[in-house]
Amino acid sequence: MSKRLLMLEKMTREGSKDPFHWYALALEYSGQGRQDDALATFTALRAIDPSYVPMYLMCGTMLVKAGRLDEGRAWLSDGIGVARGKGDQHALSELQQALAGAGDGDA
């Protein structure tokens, strides 16, 4: 295990509410092919801070790549709503493109 992974696991286990710690941990898991751990971490982050827009794109695309299309599309669609609500046009565009690439043109 990498030192970065161990550090992030420790911070989140100790109750960090910093969304970036959770996001970075989920990305570490995803990068290691640990999709279930990544999904659990993204889900925990969503409970802590549902307005953290980057998680929707990264979790959605991870799930789509893993062949979990319905779950991935759901994350991307939810992220579109959050990005719209925040007025984040850049993230909105990225999420819409990812959703379209996932075979769903309902963005």
PDB file of N, CA and C in Angstrom:
ATOM      1  N   MET A   1       0.836  -1.195   0.000  1.00  0.00           N
ATOM      2  CA  MET A   1       0.000   0.000   0.000  1.00  0.00           C
ATOM      3  C   MET A   1       0.869   1.243   0.000  1.00  0.00           C
ATOM      4  N   SER A   2       0.375   2.244  -0.696  1.00  0.00           N
ATOM      5  CA  SER A   2       1.133   3.488  -0.761  1.00  0.00           C
ATOM      6  C   SER A   2       0.966   4.291   0.529  1.00  0.00           C
ATOM      7  N   LYS A   3       1.939   5.128   0.792  1.00  0.00           N
ATOM      8  CA  LYS A   3       1.866   5.996   1.968  1.00  0.00           C
ATOM      9  C   LYS A   3       0.676   6.939   1.849  1.00  0.00           C
ATOM     10  N   ARG A   4       0.418   7.414   0.634  1.00  0.00           N
ATOM     11  CA  ARG A   4      -0.712   8.322   0.405  1.00  0.00           C
ATOM     12  C   ARG A   4      -2.026   7.639   0.779  1.00  0.00           C
ATOM     13  N   LEU A   5      -2.187   6.397   0.327  1.00  0.00           N
ATOM     14  CA  LEU A   5      -3.408   5.659   0.634  1.00  0.00           C
ATOM     15  C   LEU A   5      -3.561   5.471   2.140  1.00  0.00           C
ATOM     16  N   LEU A   6      -2.502   5.063   2.793  1.00  0.00           N
ATOM     17  CA  LEU A   6      -2.553   4.858   4.246  1.00  0.00           C
ATOM     18  C   LEU A   6      -2.892   6.156   4.980  1.00  0.00           C
ATOM     19  N   MET A   7      -2.313   7.264   4.550  1.00  0.00           N
ATOM     20  CA  MET A   7      -2.570   8.558   5.177  1.00  0.00           C
ATOM     21  C   MET A   7      -4.040   8.960   5.001  1.00  0.00           C
ATOM     22  N   LEU A   8      -4.556   8.791   3.777  1.00  0.00           N
ATOM     23  CA  LEU A   8      -5.944   9.164   3.507  1.00  0.00           C
ATOM     24  C   LEU A   8      -6.916   8.268   4.273  1.00  0.00           C
ATOM     25  N   GLU A   9      -6.613   6.982   4.340  1.00  0.00           N
ATOM     26  CA  GLU A   9      -7.468   6.071   5.117  1.00  0.00           C
ATOM     27  C   GLU A   9      -7.496   6.482   6.586  1.00  0.00           C
ATOM     28  N   LYS A  10      -6.342   6.848   7.105  1.00  0.00           N
ATOM     29  CA  LYS A  10      -6.258   7.257   8.512  1.00  0.00           C
ATOM     30  C   LYS A  10      -7.078   8.526   8.752  1.00  0.00           C
ATOM     31  N   MET A  11      -6.947   9.510   7.867  1.00  0.00           N
ATOM     32  CA  MET A  11      -7.673  10.777   8.048  1.00  0.00           C
ATOM     33  C   MET A  11      -9.180  10.564   8.000  1.00  0.00           C
ATOM     34  N   THR A  12      -9.630   9.758   7.044  1.00  0.00           N
ATOM     35  CA  THR A  12     -11.074   9.545   6.934  1.00  0.00           C
ATOM     36  C   THR A  12     -11.587   8.671   8.079  1.00  0.00           C
ATOM     37  N   ARG A  13     -10.821   7.686   8.454  1.00  0.00           N
ATOM     38  CA  ARG A  13     -11.206   6.810   9.571  1.00  0.00           C
ATOM     39  C   ARG A  13     -11.332   7.615  10.872  1.00  0.00           C
ATOM     40  N   GLU A  14     -10.495   8.635  11.008  1.00  0.00           N
ATOM     41  CA  GLU A  14     -10.523   9.466  12.214  1.00  0.00           C
ATOM     42  C   GLU A  14     -11.616  10.531  12.159  1.00  0.00           C
ATOM     43  N   GLY A  15     -12.429  10.499  11.097  1.00  0.00           N
ATOM     44  CA  GLY A  15     -13.592  11.379  11.049  1.00  0.00           C
ATOM     45  C   GLY A  15     -13.418  12.687  10.317  1.00  0.00           C
ATOM     46  N   SER A  16     -12.429  12.797   9.448  1.00  0.00           N
ATOM     47  CA  SER A  16     -12.259  14.027   8.687  1.00  0.00           C
ATOM     48  C   SER A  16     -13.537  14.358   7.929  1.00  0.00           C
ATOM     49  N   LYS A  17     -13.920  15.607   7.963  1.00  0.00           N
ATOM     50  CA  LYS A  17     -15.072  16.070   7.194  1.00  0.00           C
ATOM     51  C   LYS A  17     -14.622  16.867   5.965  1.00  0.00           C
ATOM     52  N   ASP A  18     -13.322  16.918   5.723  1.00  0.00           N
ATOM     53  CA  ASP A  18     -12.794  17.621   4.552  1.00  0.00           C
ATOM     54  C   ASP A  18     -13.140  16.797   3.309  1.00  0.00           C
ATOM     55  N   PRO A  19     -13.982  17.337   2.433  1.00  0.00           N
ATOM     56  CA  PRO A  19     -14.396  16.546   1.272  1.00  0.00           C
ATOM     57  C   PRO A  19     -13.231  16.098   0.397  1.00  0.00           C
ATOM     58  N   PHE A  20     -12.169  16.899   0.352  1.00  0.00           N
ATOM     59  CA  PHE A  20     -11.051  16.513  -0.503  1.00  0.00           C
ATOM     60  C   PHE A  20     -10.380  15.244  -0.008  1.00  0.00           C
ATOM     61  N   HIS A  21     -10.316  15.023   1.301  1.00  0.00           N
ATOM     62  CA  HIS A  21      -9.718  13.783   1.821  1.00  0.00           C
ATOM     63  C   HIS A  21     -10.493  12.568   1.325  1.00  0.00           C
ATOM     64  N   TRP A  22     -11.799  12.635   1.382  1.00  0.00           N
ATOM     65  CA  TRP A  22     -12.646  11.530   0.933  1.00  0.00           C
ATOM     66  C   TRP A  22     -12.534  11.345  -0.578  1.00  0.00           C
ATOM     67  N   TYR A  23     -12.543  12.451  -1.300  1.00  0.00           N
ATOM     68  CA  TYR A  23     -12.437  12.410  -2.760  1.00  0.00           C
ATOM     69  C   TYR A  23     -11.107  11.790  -3.184  1.00  0.00           C
ATOM     70  N   ALA A  24     -10.029  12.237  -2.558  1.00  0.00           N
ATOM     71  CA  ALA A  24      -8.700  11.712  -2.893  1.00  0.00           C
ATOM     72  C   ALA A  24      -8.607  10.221  -2.560  1.00  0.00           C
ATOM     73  N   LEU A  25      -9.192   9.805  -1.449  1.00  0.00           N
ATOM     74  CA  LEU A  25      -9.182   8.389  -1.082  1.00  0.00           C
ATOM     75  C   LEU A  25      -9.954   7.567  -2.119  1.00  0.00           C
ATOM     76  N   ALA A  26     -11.108   8.042  -2.526  1.00  0.00           N
ATOM     77  CA  ALA A  26     -11.896   7.335  -3.541  1.00  0.00           C
ATOM     78  C   ALA A  26     -11.108   7.215  -4.844  1.00  0.00           C
ATOM     79  N   LEU A  27     -10.407   8.274  -5.223  1.00  0.00           N
ATOM     80  CA  LEU A  27      -9.601   8.227  -6.448  1.00  0.00           C
ATOM     81  C   LEU A  27      -8.453   7.232  -6.318  1.00  0.00           C
ATOM     82  N   GLU A  28      -7.852   7.162  -5.145  1.00  0.00           N
ATOM     83  CA  GLU A  28      -6.780   6.186  -4.908  1.00  0.00           C
ATOM     84  C   GLU A  28      -7.321   4.764  -5.086  1.00  0.00           C
ATOM     85  N   TYR A  29      -8.451   4.495  -4.464  1.00  0.00           N
ATOM     86  CA  TYR A  29      -9.054   3.170  -4.604  1.00  0.00           C
ATOM     87  C   TYR A  29      -9.373   2.871  -6.070  1.00  0.00           C
ATOM     88  N   SER A  30      -9.973   3.834  -6.736  1.00  0.00           N
ATOM     89  CA  SER A  30     -10.332   3.649  -8.141  1.00  0.00           C
ATOM     90  C   SER A  30      -9.098   3.365  -8.986  1.00  0.00           C
ATOM     91  N   GLY A  31      -8.038   4.100  -8.728  1.00  0.00           N
ATOM     92  CA  GLY A  31      -6.797   3.922  -9.469  1.00  0.00           C
ATOM     93  C   GLY A  31      -6.168   2.551  -9.265  1.00  0.00           C
ATOM     94  N   GLN A  32      -6.504   1.916  -8.148  1.00  0.00           N
ATOM     95  CA  GLN A  32      -6.000   0.575  -7.855  1.00  0.00           C
ATOM     96  C   GLN A  32      -6.972  -0.510  -8.310  1.00  0.00           C
ATOM     97  N   GLY A  33      -8.043  -0.091  -8.989  1.00  0.00           N
ATOM     98  CA  GLY A  33      -9.027  -1.058  -9.452  1.00  0.00           C
ATOM     99  C   GLY A  33      -9.967  -1.549  -8.365  1.00  0.00           C
ATOM    100  N   ARG A  34     -10.002  -0.840  -7.267  1.00  0.00           N
ATOM    101  CA  ARG A  34     -10.856  -1.222  -6.128  1.00  0.00           C
ATOM    102  C   ARG A  34     -12.169  -0.440  -6.211  1.00  0.00           C
ATOM    103  N   GLN A  35     -12.979  -0.770  -7.230  1.00  0.00           N
ATOM    104  CA  GLN A  35     -14.194  -0.005  -7.492  1.00  0.00           C
ATOM    105  C   GLN A  35     -15.187  -0.031  -6.326  1.00  0.00           C
ATOM    106  N   ASP A  36     -15.339  -1.171  -5.670  1.00  0.00           N
ATOM    107  CA  ASP A  36     -16.299  -1.229  -4.563  1.00  0.00           C
ATOM    108  C   ASP A  36     -15.874  -0.331  -3.408  1.00  0.00           C
ATOM    109  N   ASP A  37     -14.575  -0.322  -3.104  1.00  0.00           N
ATOM    110  CA  ASP A  37     -14.077   0.575  -2.054  1.00  0.00           C
ATOM    111  C   ASP A  37     -14.225   2.031  -2.481  1.00  0.00           C
ATOM    112  N   ALA A  38     -13.943   2.300  -3.752  1.00  0.00           N
ATOM    113  CA  ALA A  38     -14.094   3.665  -4.261  1.00  0.00           C
ATOM    114  C   ALA A  38     -15.547   4.103  -4.182  1.00  0.00           C
ATOM    115  N   LEU A  39     -16.459   3.238  -4.602  1.00  0.00           N
ATOM    116  CA  LEU A  39     -17.886   3.581  -4.560  1.00  0.00           C
ATOM    117  C   LEU A  39     -18.342   3.838  -3.127  1.00  0.00           C
ATOM    118  N   ALA A  40     -17.909   3.009  -2.200  1.00  0.00           N
ATOM    119  CA  ALA A  40     -18.275   3.209  -0.791  1.00  0.00           C
ATOM    120  C   ALA A  40     -17.748   4.549  -0.283  1.00  0.00           C
ATOM    121  N   THR A  41     -16.558   4.920  -0.721  1.00  0.00           N
ATOM    122  CA  THR A  41     -15.960   6.181  -0.286  1.00  0.00           C
ATOM    123  C   THR A  41     -16.661   7.367  -0.933  1.00  0.00           C
ATOM    124  N   PHE A  42     -16.971   7.269  -2.229  1.00  0.00           N
ATOM    125  CA  PHE A  42     -17.746   8.329  -2.880  1.00  0.00           C
ATOM    126  C   PHE A  42     -19.115   8.479  -2.211  1.00  0.00           C
ATOM    127  N   THR A  43     -19.725   7.363  -1.843  1.00  0.00           N
ATOM    128  CA  THR A  43     -21.042   7.403  -1.186  1.00  0.00           C
ATOM    129  C   THR A  43     -20.941   8.072   0.181  1.00  0.00           C
ATOM    130  N   ALA A  44     -19.878   7.779   0.916  1.00  0.00           N
ATOM    131  CA  ALA A  44     -19.661   8.437   2.210  1.00  0.00           C
ATOM    132  C   ALA A  44     -19.448   9.935   2.014  1.00  0.00           C
ATOM    133  N   LEU A  45     -18.677  10.299   0.999  1.00  0.00           N
ATOM    134  CA  LEU A  45     -18.448  11.715   0.698  1.00  0.00           C
ATOM    135  C   LEU A  45     -19.770  12.394   0.361  1.00  0.00           C
ATOM    136  N   ARG A  46     -20.605  11.716  -0.408  1.00  0.00           N
ATOM    137  CA  ARG A  46     -21.892  12.298  -0.787  1.00  0.00           C
ATOM    138  C   ARG A  46     -22.743  12.581   0.451  1.00  0.00           C
ATOM    139  N   ALA A  47     -22.653  11.720   1.457  1.00  0.00           N
ATOM    140  CA  ALA A  47     -23.391  11.942   2.705  1.00  0.00           C
ATOM    141  C   ALA A  47     -22.831  13.136   3.477  1.00  0.00           C
ATOM    142  N   ILE A  48     -21.510  13.333   3.388  1.00  0.00           N
ATOM    143  CA  ILE A  48     -20.851  14.438   4.090  1.00  0.00           C
ATOM    144  C   ILE A  48     -21.092  15.764   3.380  1.00  0.00           C
ATOM    145  N   ASP A  49     -20.950  15.760   2.052  1.00  0.00           N
ATOM    146  CA  ASP A  49     -21.060  16.996   1.275  1.00  0.00           C
ATOM    147  C   ASP A  49     -21.658  16.702  -0.102  1.00  0.00           C
ATOM    148  N   PRO A  50     -22.987  16.646  -0.199  1.00  0.00           N
ATOM    149  CA  PRO A  50     -23.620  16.321  -1.479  1.00  0.00           C
ATOM    150  C   PRO A  50     -23.399  17.372  -2.564  1.00  0.00           C
ATOM    151  N   SER A  51     -22.861  18.524  -2.204  1.00  0.00           N
ATOM    152  CA  SER A  51     -22.618  19.577  -3.199  1.00  0.00           C
ATOM    153  C   SER A  51     -21.215  19.519  -3.797  1.00  0.00           C
ATOM    154  N   TYR A  52     -20.413  18.502  -3.436  1.00  0.00           N
ATOM    155  CA  TYR A  52     -19.043  18.379  -3.940  1.00  0.00           C
ATOM    156  C   TYR A  52     -19.102  17.805  -5.358  1.00  0.00           C
ATOM    157  N   VAL A  53     -19.174  18.680  -6.333  1.00  0.00           N
ATOM    158  CA  VAL A  53     -19.450  18.316  -7.726  1.00  0.00           C
ATOM    159  C   VAL A  53     -18.451  17.324  -8.333  1.00  0.00           C
ATOM    160  N   PRO A  54     -17.137  17.441  -8.123  1.00  0.00           N
ATOM    161  CA  PRO A  54     -16.210  16.536  -8.817  1.00  0.00           C
ATOM    162  C   PRO A  54     -16.463  15.056  -8.578  1.00  0.00           C
ATOM    163  N   MET A  55     -17.006  14.706  -7.422  1.00  0.00           N
ATOM    164  CA  MET A  55     -17.222  13.281  -7.128  1.00  0.00           C
ATOM    165  C   MET A  55     -18.206  12.649  -8.099  1.00  0.00           C
ATOM    166  N   TYR A  56     -19.183  13.416  -8.561  1.00  0.00           N
ATOM    167  CA  TYR A  56     -20.202  12.854  -9.450  1.00  0.00           C
ATOM    168  C   TYR A  56     -19.590  12.431 -10.787  1.00  0.00           C
ATOM    169  N   LEU A  57     -18.727  13.261 -11.322  1.00  0.00           N
ATOM    170  CA  LEU A  57     -18.075  12.929 -12.589  1.00  0.00           C
ATOM    171  C   LEU A  57     -17.156  11.726 -12.427  1.00  0.00           C
ATOM    172  N   MET A  58     -16.329  11.749 -11.403  1.00  0.00           N
ATOM    173  CA  MET A  58     -15.350  10.679 -11.238  1.00  0.00           C
ATOM    174  C   MET A  58     -16.013   9.348 -10.878  1.00  0.00           C
ATOM    175  N   CYS A  59     -16.994   9.379 -10.000  1.00  0.00           N
ATOM    176  CA  CYS A  59     -17.675   8.142  -9.630  1.00  0.00           C
ATOM    177  C   CYS A  59     -18.484   7.619 -10.812  1.00  0.00           C
ATOM    178  N   GLY A  60     -19.197   8.510 -11.481  1.00  0.00           N
ATOM    179  CA  GLY A  60     -19.998   8.088 -12.625  1.00  0.00           C
ATOM    180  C   GLY A  60     -19.169   7.476 -13.729  1.00  0.00           C
ATOM    181  N   THR A  61     -18.060   8.109 -14.076  1.00  0.00           N
ATOM    182  CA  THR A  61     -17.224   7.570 -15.154  1.00  0.00           C
ATOM    183  C   THR A  61     -16.556   6.268 -14.724  1.00  0.00           C
ATOM    184  N   MET A  62     -16.176   6.157 -13.452  1.00  0.00           N
ATOM    185  CA  MET A  62     -15.586   4.912 -12.961  1.00  0.00           C
ATOM    186  C   MET A  62     -16.586   3.763 -13.109  1.00  0.00           C
ATOM    187  N   LEU A  63     -17.822   4.003 -12.715  1.00  0.00           N
ATOM    188  CA  LEU A  63     -18.839   2.967 -12.792  1.00  0.00           C
ATOM    189  C   LEU A  63     -19.149   2.588 -14.237  1.00  0.00           C
ATOM    190  N   VAL A  64     -19.225   3.569 -15.113  1.00  0.00           N
ATOM    191  CA  VAL A  64     -19.477   3.293 -16.536  1.00  0.00           C
ATOM    192  C   VAL A  64     -18.352   2.433 -17.100  1.00  0.00           C
ATOM    193  N   LYS A  65     -17.111   2.802 -16.803  1.00  0.00           N
ATOM    194  CA  LYS A  65     -15.966   2.019 -17.292  1.00  0.00           C
ATOM    195  C   LYS A  65     -15.974   0.601 -16.760  1.00  0.00           C
ATOM    196  N   ALA A  66     -16.534   0.426 -15.553  1.00  0.00           N
ATOM    197  CA  ALA A  66     -16.604  -0.904 -14.942  1.00  0.00           C
ATOM    198  C   ALA A  66     -17.811  -1.699 -15.455  1.00  0.00           C
ATOM    199  N   GLY A  67     -18.567  -1.101 -16.390  1.00  0.00           N
ATOM    200  CA  GLY A  67     -19.722  -1.789 -16.950  1.00  0.00           C
ATOM    201  C   GLY A  67     -20.985  -1.666 -16.117  1.00  0.00           C
ATOM    202  N   ARG A  68     -20.944  -0.831 -15.108  1.00  0.00           N
ATOM    203  CA  ARG A  68     -22.100  -0.618 -14.230  1.00  0.00           C
ATOM    204  C   ARG A  68     -22.827   0.639 -14.728  1.00  0.00           C
ATOM    205  N   LEU A  69     -23.408   0.511 -15.932  1.00  0.00           N
ATOM    206  CA  LEU A  69     -23.938   1.659 -16.651  1.00  0.00           C
ATOM    207  C   LEU A  69     -25.052   2.384 -15.917  1.00  0.00           C
ATOM    208  N   ASP A  70     -26.020   1.661 -15.389  1.00  0.00           N
ATOM    209  CA  ASP A  70     -27.141   2.325 -14.724  1.00  0.00           C
ATOM    210  C   ASP A  70     -26.675   3.132 -13.515  1.00  0.00           C
ATOM    211  N   GLU A  71     -25.791   2.537 -12.715  1.00  0.00           N
ATOM    212  CA  GLU A  71     -25.262   3.250 -11.549  1.00  0.00           C
ATOM    213  C   GLU A  71     -24.460   4.473 -11.972  1.00  0.00           C
ATOM    214  N   GLY A  72     -23.621   4.283 -12.992  1.00  0.00           N
ATOM    215  CA  GLY A  72     -22.809   5.393 -13.478  1.00  0.00           C
ATOM    216  C   GLY A  72     -23.657   6.529 -14.008  1.00  0.00           C
ATOM    217  N   ARG A  73     -24.663   6.192 -14.801  1.00  0.00           N
ATOM    218  CA  ARG A  73     -25.564   7.221 -15.340  1.00  0.00           C
ATOM    219  C   ARG A  73     -26.293   7.960 -14.227  1.00  0.00           C
ATOM    220  N   ALA A  74     -26.683   7.230 -13.184  1.00  0.00           N
ATOM    221  CA  ALA A  74     -27.381   7.864 -12.057  1.00  0.00           C
ATOM    222  C   ALA A  74     -26.479   8.897 -11.376  1.00  0.00           C
ATOM    223  N   TRP A  75     -25.224   8.529 -11.149  1.00  0.00           N
ATOM    224  CA  TRP A  75     -24.281   9.483 -10.538  1.00  0.00           C
ATOM    225  C   TRP A  75     -24.085  10.695 -11.442  1.00  0.00           C
ATOM    226  N   LEU A  76     -23.907  10.463 -12.725  1.00  0.00           N
ATOM    227  CA  LEU A  76     -23.703  11.579 -13.656  1.00  0.00           C
ATOM    228  C   LEU A  76     -24.930  12.476 -13.706  1.00  0.00           C
ATOM    229  N   SER A  77     -26.110  11.886 -13.760  1.00  0.00           N
ATOM    230  CA  SER A  77     -27.349  12.671 -13.789  1.00  0.00           C
ATOM    231  C   SER A  77     -27.517  13.495 -12.522  1.00  0.00           C
ATOM    232  N   ASP A  78     -27.238  12.887 -11.382  1.00  0.00           N
ATOM    233  CA  ASP A  78     -27.325  13.624 -10.116  1.00  0.00           C
ATOM    234  C   ASP A  78     -26.328  14.776 -10.101  1.00  0.00           C
ATOM    235  N   GLY A  79     -25.146  14.529 -10.634  1.00  0.00           N
ATOM    236  CA  GLY A  79     -24.127  15.577 -10.692  1.00  0.00           C
ATOM    237  C   GLY A  79     -24.551  16.740 -11.579  1.00  0.00           C
ATOM    238  N   ILE A  80     -25.249  16.440 -12.653  1.00  0.00           N
ATOM    239  CA  ILE A  80     -25.756  17.499 -13.531  1.00  0.00           C
ATOM    240  C   ILE A  80     -26.691  18.418 -12.743  1.00  0.00           C
ATOM    241  N   GLY A  81     -27.554  17.823 -11.945  1.00  0.00           N
ATOM    242  CA  GLY A  81     -28.455  18.628 -11.119  1.00  0.00           C
ATOM    243  C   GLY A  81     -27.712  19.492 -10.120  1.00  0.00           C
ATOM    244  N   VAL A  82     -26.693  18.932  -9.488  1.00  0.00           N
ATOM    245  CA  VAL A  82     -25.909  19.686  -8.503  1.00  0.00           C
ATOM    246  C   VAL A  82     -25.136  20.815  -9.191  1.00  0.00           C
ATOM    247  N   ALA A  83     -24.509  20.503 -10.325  1.00  0.00           N
ATOM    248  CA  ALA A  83     -23.743  21.528 -11.052  1.00  0.00           C
ATOM    249  C   ALA A  83     -24.647  22.658 -11.521  1.00  0.00           C
ATOM    250  N   ARG A  84     -25.820  22.301 -12.024  1.00  0.00           N
ATOM    251  CA  ARG A  84     -26.787  23.346 -12.437  1.00  0.00           C
ATOM    252  C   ARG A  84     -27.156  24.226 -11.255  1.00  0.00           C
ATOM    253  N   GLY A  85     -27.436  23.586 -10.126  1.00  0.00           N
ATOM    254  CA  GLY A  85     -27.826  24.321  -8.926  1.00  0.00           C
ATOM    255  C   GLY A  85     -26.751  25.273  -8.434  1.00  0.00           C
ATOM    256  N   LYS A  86     -25.501  24.911  -8.651  1.00  0.00           N
ATOM    257  CA  LYS A  86     -24.379  25.758  -8.222  1.00  0.00           C
ATOM    258  C   LYS A  86     -23.979  26.759  -9.301  1.00  0.00           C
ATOM    259  N   GLY A  87     -24.527  26.614 -10.495  1.00  0.00           N
ATOM    260  CA  GLY A  87     -24.134  27.494 -11.596  1.00  0.00           C
ATOM    261  C   GLY A  87     -22.740  27.186 -12.115  1.00  0.00           C
ATOM    262  N   ASP A  88     -22.281  25.949 -11.946  1.00  0.00           N
ATOM    263  CA  ASP A  88     -20.945  25.536 -12.375  1.00  0.00           C
ATOM    264  C   ASP A  88     -21.032  25.017 -13.816  1.00  0.00           C
ATOM    265  N   GLN A  89     -20.872  25.927 -14.762  1.00  0.00           N
ATOM    266  CA  GLN A  89     -21.043  25.592 -16.176  1.00  0.00           C
ATOM    267  C   GLN A  89     -19.972  24.627 -16.687  1.00  0.00           C
ATOM    268  N   HIS A  90     -18.760  24.768 -16.201  1.00  0.00           N
ATOM    269  CA  HIS A  90     -17.678  23.886 -16.648  1.00  0.00           C
ATOM    270  C   HIS A  90     -17.976  22.442 -16.231  1.00  0.00           C
ATOM    271  N   ALA A  91     -18.295  22.240 -14.969  1.00  0.00           N
ATOM    272  CA  ALA A  91     -18.608  20.897 -14.486  1.00  0.00           C
ATOM    273  C   ALA A  91     -19.865  20.369 -15.169  1.00  0.00           C
ATOM    274  N   LEU A  92     -20.841  21.231 -15.375  1.00  0.00           N
ATOM    275  CA  LEU A  92     -22.074  20.825 -16.045  1.00  0.00           C
ATOM    276  C   LEU A  92     -21.772  20.270 -17.431  1.00  0.00           C
ATOM    277  N   SER A  93     -20.932  20.970 -18.160  1.00  0.00           N
ATOM    278  CA  SER A  93     -20.563  20.534 -19.510  1.00  0.00           C
ATOM    279  C   SER A  93     -19.851  19.178 -19.466  1.00  0.00           C
ATOM    280  N   GLU A  94     -18.907  19.015 -18.548  1.00  0.00           N
ATOM    281  CA  GLU A  94     -18.177  17.749 -18.431  1.00  0.00           C
ATOM    282  C   GLU A  94     -19.115  16.597 -18.076  1.00  0.00           C
ATOM    283  N   LEU A  95     -20.027  16.841 -17.158  1.00  0.00           N
ATOM    284  CA  LEU A  95     -20.970  15.806 -16.747  1.00  0.00           C
ATOM    285  C   LEU A  95     -21.905  15.433 -17.894  1.00  0.00           C
ATOM    286  N   GLN A  96     -22.377  16.432 -18.631  1.00  0.00           N
ATOM    287  CA  GLN A  96     -23.262  16.168 -19.769  1.00  0.00           C
ATOM    288  C   GLN A  96     -22.537  15.356 -20.839  1.00  0.00           C
ATOM    289  N   GLN A  97     -21.286  15.702 -21.097  1.00  0.00           N
ATOM    290  CA  GLN A  97     -20.494  14.951 -22.085  1.00  0.00           C
ATOM    291  C   GLN A  97     -20.284  13.510 -21.634  1.00  0.00           C
ATOM    292  N   ALA A  98     -19.985  13.326 -20.360  1.00  0.00           N
ATOM    293  CA  ALA A  98     -19.777  11.976 -19.823  1.00  0.00           C
ATOM    294  C   ALA A  98     -21.059  11.161 -19.906  1.00  0.00           C
ATOM    295  N   LEU A  99     -22.183  11.787 -19.598  1.00  0.00           N
ATOM    296  CA  LEU A  99     -23.456  11.086 -19.662  1.00  0.00           C
ATOM    297  C   LEU A  99     -23.789  10.708 -21.107  1.00  0.00           C
ATOM    298  N   ALA A 100     -23.547  11.618 -22.029  1.00  0.00           N
ATOM    299  CA  ALA A 100     -23.781  11.319 -23.446  1.00  0.00           C
ATOM    300  C   ALA A 100     -22.879  10.170 -23.897  1.00  0.00           C
ATOM    301  N   GLY A 101     -21.650  10.146 -23.413  1.00  0.00           N
ATOM    302  CA  GLY A 101     -20.714   9.078 -23.749  1.00  0.00           C
ATOM    303  C   GLY A 101     -21.080   7.740 -23.122  1.00  0.00           C
ATOM    304  N   ALA A 102     -21.930   7.797 -22.084  1.00  0.00           N
ATOM    305  CA  ALA A 102     -22.375   6.574 -21.417  1.00  0.00           C
ATOM    306  C   ALA A 102     -23.609   6.000 -22.109  1.00  0.00           C
ATOM    307  N   GLY A 103     -23.943   6.580 -23.261  1.00  0.00           N
ATOM    308  CA  GLY A 103     -25.058   6.060 -24.041  1.00  0.00           C
ATOM    309  C   GLY A 103     -26.396   6.594 -23.641  1.00  0.00           C
ATOM    310  N   ASP A 104     -26.400   7.697 -22.897  1.00  0.00           N
ATOM    311  CA  ASP A 104     -27.670   8.281 -22.467  1.00  0.00           C
ATOM    312  C   ASP A 104     -27.701   9.727 -22.939  1.00  0.00           C
ATOM    313  N   GLY A 105     -28.525  10.047 -23.871  1.00  0.00           N
ATOM    314  CA  GLY A 105     -28.590  11.391 -24.410  1.00  0.00           C
ATOM    315  C   GLY A 105     -29.567  12.296 -23.691  1.00  0.00           C
ATOM    316  N   ASP A 106     -30.005  11.899 -22.497  1.00  0.00           N
ATOM    317  CA  ASP A 106     -31.011  12.674 -21.785  1.00  0.00           C
ATOM    318  C   ASP A 106     -30.427  13.816 -20.965  1.00  0.00           C
ATOM    319  N   ALA A 107     -29.177  14.166 -21.227  1.00  0.00           N
ATOM    320  CA  ALA A 107     -28.552  15.262 -20.483  1.00  0.00           C
ATOM    321  C   ALA A 107     -29.142  16.535 -20.977  1.00  0.00           C
TER     322      ALA A 107
END
